[in-house]
Amino acid sequence: MHTTQKLTLAELETRQLREILETVLLKHIALTVQLPDGDEVVIQPKARLKPLPVLNGYIPDGWR
């Protein structure tokens, strides 16, 4: 599970985009940005999926 960090838009304006994205990715955090009108935007890393195993066997016609 990701930890969450919450910042206001004004706090983010002093940071570089690259720094923000690297922090989210490397620390595996979800960053919640609170906008002036009270809405929130969440930035979080995409979960990496493991590749599916290769299965050997018979597949009937019409199956995918």
PDB file of N, CA and C in Angstrom:
ATOM      1  N   MET A   1       0.841  -1.177   0.000  1.00  0.00           N
ATOM      2  CA  MET A   1       0.000   0.000   0.000  1.00  0.00           C
ATOM      3  C   MET A   1       0.884   1.238   0.000  1.00  0.00           C
ATOM      4  N   HIS A   2       0.419   2.255  -0.675  1.00  0.00           N
ATOM      5  CA  HIS A   2       1.172   3.501  -0.778  1.00  0.00           C
ATOM      6  C   HIS A   2       0.916   4.386   0.441  1.00  0.00           C
ATOM      7  N   THR A   3       1.955   5.104   0.851  1.00  0.00           N
ATOM      8  CA  THR A   3       1.736   6.147   1.842  1.00  0.00           C
ATOM      9  C   THR A   3       1.267   7.389   1.094  1.00  0.00           C
ATOM     10  N   THR A   4       0.665   8.304   1.801  1.00  0.00           N
ATOM     11  CA  THR A   4       0.107   9.489   1.168  1.00  0.00           C
ATOM     12  C   THR A   4       0.743  10.747   1.740  1.00  0.00           C
ATOM     13  N   GLN A   5       1.031  11.690   0.864  1.00  0.00           N
ATOM     14  CA  GLN A   5       1.517  12.999   1.263  1.00  0.00           C
ATOM     15  C   GLN A   5       0.533  14.012   0.697  1.00  0.00           C
ATOM     16  N   LYS A   6       0.169  15.008   1.482  1.00  0.00           N
ATOM     17  CA  LYS A   6      -0.797  16.006   1.046  1.00  0.00           C
ATOM     18  C   LYS A   6      -0.141  17.386   1.024  1.00  0.00           C
ATOM     19  N   LEU A   7      -0.253  18.061  -0.123  1.00  0.00           N
ATOM     20  CA  LEU A   7       0.312  19.396  -0.278  1.00  0.00           C
ATOM     21  C   LEU A   7      -0.721  20.299  -0.944  1.00  0.00           C
ATOM     22  N   THR A   8      -0.581  21.581  -0.727  1.00  0.00           N
ATOM     23  CA  THR A   8      -1.437  22.540  -1.424  1.00  0.00           C
ATOM     24  C   THR A   8      -0.783  22.873  -2.765  1.00  0.00           C
ATOM     25  N   LEU A   9      -1.572  23.435  -3.651  1.00  0.00           N
ATOM     26  CA  LEU A   9      -1.042  23.840  -4.952  1.00  0.00           C
ATOM     27  C   LEU A   9       0.062  24.876  -4.771  1.00  0.00           C
ATOM     28  N   ALA A  10      -0.109  25.786  -3.829  1.00  0.00           N
ATOM     29  CA  ALA A  10       0.916  26.815  -3.570  1.00  0.00           C
ATOM     30  C   ALA A  10       2.237  26.179  -3.135  1.00  0.00           C
ATOM     31  N   GLU A  11       2.185  25.101  -2.346  1.00  0.00           N
ATOM     32  CA  GLU A  11       3.413  24.417  -1.910  1.00  0.00           C
ATOM     33  C   GLU A  11       4.113  23.739  -3.091  1.00  0.00           C
ATOM     34  N   LEU A  12       3.339  23.256  -4.052  1.00  0.00           N
ATOM     35  CA  LEU A  12       3.934  22.590  -5.210  1.00  0.00           C
ATOM     36  C   LEU A  12       4.553  23.566  -6.198  1.00  0.00           C
ATOM     37  N   GLU A  13       4.074  24.782  -6.221  1.00  0.00           N
ATOM     38  CA  GLU A  13       4.562  25.762  -7.189  1.00  0.00           C
ATOM     39  C   GLU A  13       6.045  26.079  -7.025  1.00  0.00           C
ATOM     40  N   THR A  14       6.605  25.795  -5.868  1.00  0.00           N
ATOM     41  CA  THR A  14       8.026  26.059  -5.635  1.00  0.00           C
ATOM     42  C   THR A  14       8.910  24.885  -6.048  1.00  0.00           C
ATOM     43  N   ARG A  15       8.300  23.771  -6.467  1.00  0.00           N
ATOM     44  CA  ARG A  15       9.062  22.574  -6.824  1.00  0.00           C
ATOM     45  C   ARG A  15       9.048  22.366  -8.333  1.00  0.00           C
ATOM     46  N   GLN A  16      10.062  21.676  -8.822  1.00  0.00           N
ATOM     47  CA  GLN A  16      10.115  21.331 -10.232  1.00  0.00           C
ATOM     48  C   GLN A  16       9.297  20.058 -10.466  1.00  0.00           C
ATOM     49  N   LEU A  17       8.665  19.966 -11.625  1.00  0.00           N
ATOM     50  CA  LEU A  17       7.841  18.805 -11.956  1.00  0.00           C
ATOM     51  C   LEU A  17       8.635  17.509 -11.873  1.00  0.00           C
ATOM     52  N   ARG A  18       9.853  17.536 -12.365  1.00  0.00           N
ATOM     53  CA  ARG A  18      10.697  16.329 -12.338  1.00  0.00           C
ATOM     54  C   ARG A  18      10.905  15.847 -10.897  1.00  0.00           C
ATOM     55  N   GLU A  19      11.163  16.776  -9.990  1.00  0.00           N
ATOM     56  CA  GLU A  19      11.370  16.440  -8.577  1.00  0.00           C
ATOM     57  C   GLU A  19      10.111  15.803  -7.984  1.00  0.00           C
ATOM     58  N   ILE A  20       8.958  16.354  -8.304  1.00  0.00           N
ATOM     59  CA  ILE A  20       7.691  15.838  -7.785  1.00  0.00           C
ATOM     60  C   ILE A  20       7.459  14.410  -8.265  1.00  0.00           C
ATOM     61  N   LEU A  21       7.616  14.197  -9.569  1.00  0.00           N
ATOM     62  CA  LEU A  21       7.367  12.867 -10.134  1.00  0.00           C
ATOM     63  C   LEU A  21       8.374  11.832  -9.639  1.00  0.00           C
ATOM     64  N   GLU A  22       9.629  12.206  -9.529  1.00  0.00           N
ATOM     65  CA  GLU A  22      10.642  11.273  -9.014  1.00  0.00           C
ATOM     66  C   GLU A  22      10.350  10.902  -7.562  1.00  0.00           C
ATOM     67  N   THR A  23       9.912  11.859  -6.766  1.00  0.00           N
ATOM     68  CA  THR A  23       9.568  11.578  -5.371  1.00  0.00           C
ATOM     69  C   THR A  23       8.421  10.581  -5.286  1.00  0.00           C
ATOM     70  N   VAL A  24       7.385  10.799  -6.088  1.00  0.00           N
ATOM     71  CA  VAL A  24       6.231   9.893  -6.087  1.00  0.00           C
ATOM     72  C   VAL A  24       6.667   8.492  -6.489  1.00  0.00           C
ATOM     73  N   LEU A  25       7.467   8.391  -7.546  1.00  0.00           N
ATOM     74  CA  LEU A  25       7.877   7.083  -8.051  1.00  0.00           C
ATOM     75  C   LEU A  25       8.856   6.375  -7.119  1.00  0.00           C
ATOM     76  N   LEU A  26       9.901   7.063  -6.702  1.00  0.00           N
ATOM     77  CA  LEU A  26      10.954   6.420  -5.921  1.00  0.00           C
ATOM     78  C   LEU A  26      10.526   6.094  -4.495  1.00  0.00           C
ATOM     79  N   LYS A  27       9.674   6.928  -3.907  1.00  0.00           N
ATOM     80  CA  LYS A  27       9.224   6.690  -2.541  1.00  0.00           C
ATOM     81  C   LYS A  27       7.902   5.919  -2.490  1.00  0.00           C
ATOM     82  N   HIS A  28       7.345   5.618  -3.664  1.00  0.00           N
ATOM     83  CA  HIS A  28       6.077   4.878  -3.762  1.00  0.00           C
ATOM     84  C   HIS A  28       4.995   5.528  -2.904  1.00  0.00           C
ATOM     85  N   ILE A  29       4.804   6.826  -3.124  1.00  0.00           N
ATOM     86  CA  ILE A  29       3.779   7.543  -2.368  1.00  0.00           C
ATOM     87  C   ILE A  29       2.670   8.017  -3.297  1.00  0.00           C
ATOM     88  N   ALA A  30       1.525   8.248  -2.733  1.00  0.00           N
ATOM     89  CA  ALA A  30       0.438   8.927  -3.444  1.00  0.00           C
ATOM     90  C   ALA A  30       0.458  10.369  -2.966  1.00  0.00           C
ATOM     91  N   LEU A  31       0.577  11.295  -3.891  1.00  0.00           N
ATOM     92  CA  LEU A  31       0.637  12.716  -3.556  1.00  0.00           C
ATOM     93  C   LEU A  31      -0.727  13.325  -3.829  1.00  0.00           C
ATOM     94  N   THR A  32      -1.362  13.847  -2.788  1.00  0.00           N
ATOM     95  CA  THR A  32      -2.644  14.516  -2.929  1.00  0.00           C
ATOM     96  C   THR A  32      -2.396  16.013  -2.960  1.00  0.00           C
ATOM     97  N   VAL A  33      -2.857  16.654  -4.048  1.00  0.00           N
ATOM     98  CA  VAL A  33      -2.690  18.093  -4.217  1.00  0.00           C
ATOM     99  C   VAL A  33      -4.045  18.748  -3.978  1.00  0.00           C
ATOM    100  N   GLN A  34      -4.090  19.626  -2.978  1.00  0.00           N
ATOM    101  CA  GLN A  34      -5.333  20.321  -2.663  1.00  0.00           C
ATOM    102  C   GLN A  34      -5.360  21.645  -3.426  1.00  0.00           C
ATOM    103  N   LEU A  35      -6.389  21.801  -4.275  1.00  0.00           N
ATOM    104  CA  LEU A  35      -6.544  23.000  -5.084  1.00  0.00           C
ATOM    105  C   LEU A  35      -7.246  24.086  -4.276  1.00  0.00           C
ATOM    106  N   PRO A  36      -7.108  25.343  -4.690  1.00  0.00           N
ATOM    107  CA  PRO A  36      -7.700  26.457  -3.925  1.00  0.00           C
ATOM    108  C   PRO A  36      -9.208  26.332  -3.701  1.00  0.00           C
ATOM    109  N   ASP A  37      -9.935  25.704  -4.631  1.00  0.00           N
ATOM    110  CA  ASP A  37     -11.390  25.579  -4.475  1.00  0.00           C
ATOM    111  C   ASP A  37     -11.799  24.381  -3.615  1.00  0.00           C
ATOM    112  N   GLY A  38     -10.804  23.666  -3.071  1.00  0.00           N
ATOM    113  CA  GLY A  38     -11.095  22.531  -2.200  1.00  0.00           C
ATOM    114  C   GLY A  38     -11.049  21.185  -2.898  1.00  0.00           C
ATOM    115  N   ASP A  39     -11.062  21.176  -4.244  1.00  0.00           N
ATOM    116  CA  ASP A  39     -10.922  19.918  -4.972  1.00  0.00           C
ATOM    117  C   ASP A  39      -9.526  19.353  -4.747  1.00  0.00           C
ATOM    118  N   GLU A  40      -9.388  18.058  -4.970  1.00  0.00           N
ATOM    119  CA  GLU A  40      -8.087  17.402  -4.799  1.00  0.00           C
ATOM    120  C   GLU A  40      -7.753  16.572  -6.025  1.00  0.00           C
ATOM    121  N   VAL A  41      -6.465  16.506  -6.310  1.00  0.00           N
ATOM    122  CA  VAL A  41      -5.929  15.680  -7.389  1.00  0.00           C
ATOM    123  C   VAL A  41      -4.910  14.742  -6.754  1.00  0.00           C
ATOM    124  N   VAL A  42      -4.964  13.459  -7.118  1.00  0.00           N
ATOM    125  CA  VAL A  42      -4.034  12.483  -6.571  1.00  0.00           C
ATOM    126  C   VAL A  42      -3.073  12.042  -7.669  1.00  0.00           C
ATOM    127  N   ILE A  43      -1.782  12.092  -7.365  1.00  0.00           N
ATOM    128  CA  ILE A  43      -0.735  11.607  -8.265  1.00  0.00           C
ATOM    129  C   ILE A  43      -0.117  10.399  -7.583  1.00  0.00           C
ATOM    130  N   GLN A  44      -0.156   9.247  -8.264  1.00  0.00           N
ATOM    131  CA  GLN A  44       0.422   8.041  -7.669  1.00  0.00           C
ATOM    132  C   GLN A  44       1.063   7.195  -8.752  1.00  0.00           C
ATOM    133  N   PRO A  45       2.070   6.392  -8.366  1.00  0.00           N
ATOM    134  CA  PRO A  45       2.723   5.552  -9.362  1.00  0.00           C
ATOM    135  C   PRO A  45       1.791   4.430  -9.814  1.00  0.00           C
ATOM    136  N   LYS A  46       1.922   4.053 -11.055  1.00  0.00           N
ATOM    137  CA  LYS A  46       1.144   2.953 -11.609  1.00  0.00           C
ATOM    138  C   LYS A  46       1.759   1.635 -11.127  1.00  0.00           C
ATOM    139  N   ALA A  47       0.906   0.735 -10.684  1.00  0.00           N
ATOM    140  CA  ALA A  47       1.393  -0.561 -10.215  1.00  0.00           C
ATOM    141  C   ALA A  47       1.960  -1.355 -11.389  1.00  0.00           C
ATOM    142  N   ARG A  48       3.091  -1.975 -11.168  1.00  0.00           N
ATOM    143  CA  ARG A  48       3.690  -2.827 -12.190  1.00  0.00           C
ATOM    144  C   ARG A  48       3.059  -4.200 -12.118  1.00  0.00           C
ATOM    145  N   LEU A  49       2.602  -4.663 -13.249  1.00  0.00           N
ATOM    146  CA  LEU A  49       1.998  -5.985 -13.311  1.00  0.00           C
ATOM    147  C   LEU A  49       3.041  -7.009 -13.728  1.00  0.00           C
ATOM    148  N   LYS A  50       2.958  -8.172 -13.134  1.00  0.00           N
ATOM    149  CA  LYS A  50       3.846  -9.256 -13.525  1.00  0.00           C
ATOM    150  C   LYS A  50       3.361  -9.808 -14.859  1.00  0.00           C
ATOM    151  N   PRO A  51       4.293 -10.236 -15.714  1.00  0.00           N
ATOM    152  CA  PRO A  51       3.863 -10.808 -16.985  1.00  0.00           C
ATOM    153  C   PRO A  51       3.088 -12.114 -16.757  1.00  0.00           C
ATOM    154  N   LEU A  52       2.123 -12.351 -17.610  1.00  0.00           N
ATOM    155  CA  LEU A  52       1.353 -13.589 -17.507  1.00  0.00           C
ATOM    156  C   LEU A  52       2.224 -14.771 -17.908  1.00  0.00           C
ATOM    157  N   PRO A  53       2.020 -15.928 -17.276  1.00  0.00           N
ATOM    158  CA  PRO A  53       2.813 -17.100 -17.647  1.00  0.00           C
ATOM    159  C   PRO A  53       2.386 -17.623 -19.023  1.00  0.00           C
ATOM    160  N   VAL A  54       3.314 -18.255 -19.701  1.00  0.00           N
ATOM    161  CA  VAL A  54       3.011 -18.882 -20.981  1.00  0.00           C
ATOM    162  C   VAL A  54       2.460 -20.266 -20.679  1.00  0.00           C
ATOM    163  N   LEU A  55       1.266 -20.528 -21.179  1.00  0.00           N
ATOM    164  CA  LEU A  55       0.630 -21.824 -20.943  1.00  0.00           C
ATOM    165  C   LEU A  55       0.694 -22.659 -22.208  1.00  0.00           C
ATOM    166  N   ASN A  56       1.103 -23.875 -22.043  1.00  0.00           N
ATOM    167  CA  ASN A  56       1.148 -24.798 -23.167  1.00  0.00           C
ATOM    168  C   ASN A  56      -0.078 -25.676 -23.100  1.00  0.00           C
ATOM    169  N   GLY A  57      -0.720 -25.845 -24.228  1.00  0.00           N
ATOM    170  CA  GLY A  57      -1.896 -26.706 -24.230  1.00  0.00           C
ATOM    171  C   GLY A  57      -2.779 -26.413 -25.423  1.00  0.00           C
ATOM    172  N   TYR A  58      -3.886 -27.073 -25.463  1.00  0.00           N
ATOM    173  CA  TYR A  58      -4.823 -26.971 -26.567  1.00  0.00           C
ATOM    174  C   TYR A  58      -5.813 -25.839 -26.325  1.00  0.00           C
ATOM    175  N   ILE A  59      -6.013 -25.001 -27.354  1.00  0.00           N
ATOM    176  CA  ILE A  59      -7.022 -23.933 -27.286  1.00  0.00           C
ATOM    177  C   ILE A  59      -8.049 -24.220 -28.362  1.00  0.00           C
ATOM    178  N   PRO A  60      -9.319 -24.435 -27.965  1.00  0.00           N
ATOM    179  CA  PRO A  60     -10.347 -24.723 -28.957  1.00  0.00           C
ATOM    180  C   PRO A  60     -10.522 -23.575 -29.944  1.00  0.00           C
ATOM    181  N   ASP A  61     -10.946 -23.896 -31.173  1.00  0.00           N
ATOM    182  CA  ASP A  61     -11.207 -22.876 -32.181  1.00  0.00           C
ATOM    183  C   ASP A  61     -12.233 -21.864 -31.656  1.00  0.00           C
ATOM    184  N   GLY A  62     -12.013 -20.591 -31.933  1.00  0.00           N
ATOM    185  CA  GLY A  62     -12.941 -19.557 -31.507  1.00  0.00           C
ATOM    186  C   GLY A  62     -12.622 -18.973 -30.142  1.00  0.00           C
ATOM    187  N   TRP A  63     -11.762 -19.585 -29.368  1.00  0.00           N
ATOM    188  CA  TRP A  63     -11.347 -19.060 -28.054  1.00  0.00           C
ATOM    189  C   TRP A  63     -10.181 -18.125 -28.227  1.00  0.00           C
ATOM    190  N   ARG A  64     -10.127 -17.125 -27.371  1.00  0.00           N
ATOM    191  CA  ARG A  64      -8.984 -16.194 -27.412  1.00  0.00           C
ATOM    192  C   ARG A  64      -8.288 -16.185 -26.095  1.00  0.00           C
TER     193      ARG A  64
END
